[in-house]
Amino acid sequence: MSKQPIAVELEAINREGETQVVRDSSLTVQGYSVYLRAVEASGLALATWIADYDTIGPAYQLAERLGIALAIPLTVLVPELNSYKPGNSTEAREA
């Protein structure tokens, strides 16, 4: 079955017990995951895990590069980073 990539997703995660996506400030962010979302021939949109990172800088860079390379949008699902831009933090410059 062929898959058509439709988006790159960057999510904040919490690893206490079962790994969960952090949607608001009720959970502590303990890392970041990058996923590639694609539509299968059947019409189902499934996400494939690409990588986990402890910090946002490398995760954002990978997600952004994948989006550019595949010409698909990047969706950032990180509550505290709605205005994050690479290079604006020490962490991003060190990555």
Protein backbone atom coordinates (compact mmCIF):
# COMPACT_ATOMS: atom_id res chain seq x y z
CA MET A 1 0.00 0.00 0.00
CA SER A 2 1.34 3.43 -0.87
CA LYS A 3 1.24 6.26 1.63
CA GLN A 4 0.92 9.97 0.87
CA PRO A 5 2.67 12.17 3.50
CA ILE A 6 0.39 15.01 4.61
CA ALA A 7 2.09 16.54 7.67
CA VAL A 8 5.02 16.47 10.05
CA GLU A 9 3.96 16.67 13.70
CA LEU A 10 6.05 17.84 16.66
CA GLU A 11 4.56 16.91 20.03
CA ALA A 12 5.53 17.56 23.63
CA ILE A 13 5.49 14.34 25.65
CA ASN A 14 5.32 13.25 29.28
CA ARG A 15 6.95 9.91 30.11
CA GLU A 16 5.53 9.27 33.60
CA GLY A 17 4.08 5.79 33.31
CA GLU A 18 2.59 5.61 29.83
CA THR A 19 3.92 8.19 27.34
CA GLN A 20 1.32 10.91 26.80
CA VAL A 21 1.08 13.95 24.56
CA VAL A 22 1.10 17.18 26.57
CA ARG A 23 -1.81 19.36 25.40
CA ASP A 24 -1.83 21.88 28.27
CA SER A 25 0.12 22.77 31.41
CA SER A 26 -1.43 20.00 33.54
CA LEU A 27 1.43 17.63 32.58
CA THR A 28 5.16 18.31 32.73
CA VAL A 29 6.94 18.26 29.38
CA GLN A 30 9.69 15.62 29.52
CA GLY A 31 10.63 15.44 25.85
CA TYR A 32 9.53 15.89 22.27
CA SER A 33 8.49 13.46 19.53
CA VAL A 34 8.49 13.90 15.76
CA TYR A 35 5.90 12.01 13.69
CA LEU A 36 5.14 11.78 9.98
CA ARG A 37 1.41 11.66 9.25
CA ALA A 38 0.41 9.97 6.00
CA VAL A 39 -2.79 8.87 4.30
CA GLU A 40 -2.92 5.24 3.20
CA ALA A 41 -4.66 4.04 0.03
CA SER A 42 -7.62 3.02 2.22
CA GLY A 43 -8.05 6.65 3.31
CA LEU A 44 -6.81 6.17 6.88
CA ALA A 45 -4.46 8.87 8.17
CA LEU A 46 -1.80 7.21 10.32
CA ALA A 47 1.19 8.67 12.14
CA THR A 48 4.62 7.04 12.06
CA TRP A 49 7.06 7.80 14.85
CA ILE A 50 10.35 9.26 13.59
CA ALA A 51 12.36 10.30 16.68
CA ASP A 52 12.31 11.42 20.33
CA TYR A 53 14.42 14.23 21.78
CA ASP A 54 14.94 15.56 25.29
CA THR A 55 15.05 19.18 24.08
CA ILE A 56 13.02 21.21 21.61
CA GLY A 57 15.89 22.54 19.45
CA PRO A 58 16.91 19.33 17.63
CA ALA A 59 13.29 18.10 17.50
CA TYR A 60 12.13 21.32 15.85
CA GLN A 61 15.03 21.30 13.39
CA LEU A 62 14.29 17.73 12.28
CA ALA A 63 10.56 18.38 11.98
CA GLU A 64 11.12 21.59 10.01
CA ARG A 65 13.60 19.92 7.64
CA LEU A 66 11.25 16.98 7.01
CA GLY A 67 8.41 19.37 6.24
CA ILE A 68 10.56 21.32 3.77
CA ALA A 69 12.02 18.21 2.13
CA LEU A 70 8.59 16.62 1.66
CA ALA A 71 6.81 19.93 0.91
CA ILE A 72 4.22 19.30 3.63
CA PRO A 73 3.12 21.42 6.61
CA LEU A 74 4.67 21.24 10.08
CA THR A 75 2.16 21.03 12.93
CA VAL A 76 3.61 22.05 16.32
CA LEU A 77 1.60 20.54 19.19
CA VAL A 78 3.62 22.05 22.04
CA PRO A 79 1.59 24.27 24.42
CA GLU A 80 4.40 26.57 25.59
CA LEU A 81 5.96 26.97 22.14
CA ASN A 82 3.23 28.56 20.07
CA SER A 83 5.68 31.30 19.10
CA TYR A 84 8.89 29.21 19.06
CA LYS A 85 11.28 30.12 16.27
CA PRO A 86 14.61 28.34 15.85
CA GLY A 87 17.60 30.45 16.84
CA ASN A 88 15.66 32.43 19.47
CA SER A 89 16.95 30.33 22.35
CA THR A 90 20.36 29.22 23.55
CA GLU A 91 19.22 25.62 23.23
CA ALA A 92 18.42 25.95 19.54
CA ARG A 93 21.79 27.59 18.83
CA GLU A 94 23.67 24.84 20.68
CA ALA A 95 21.88 22.03 18.82
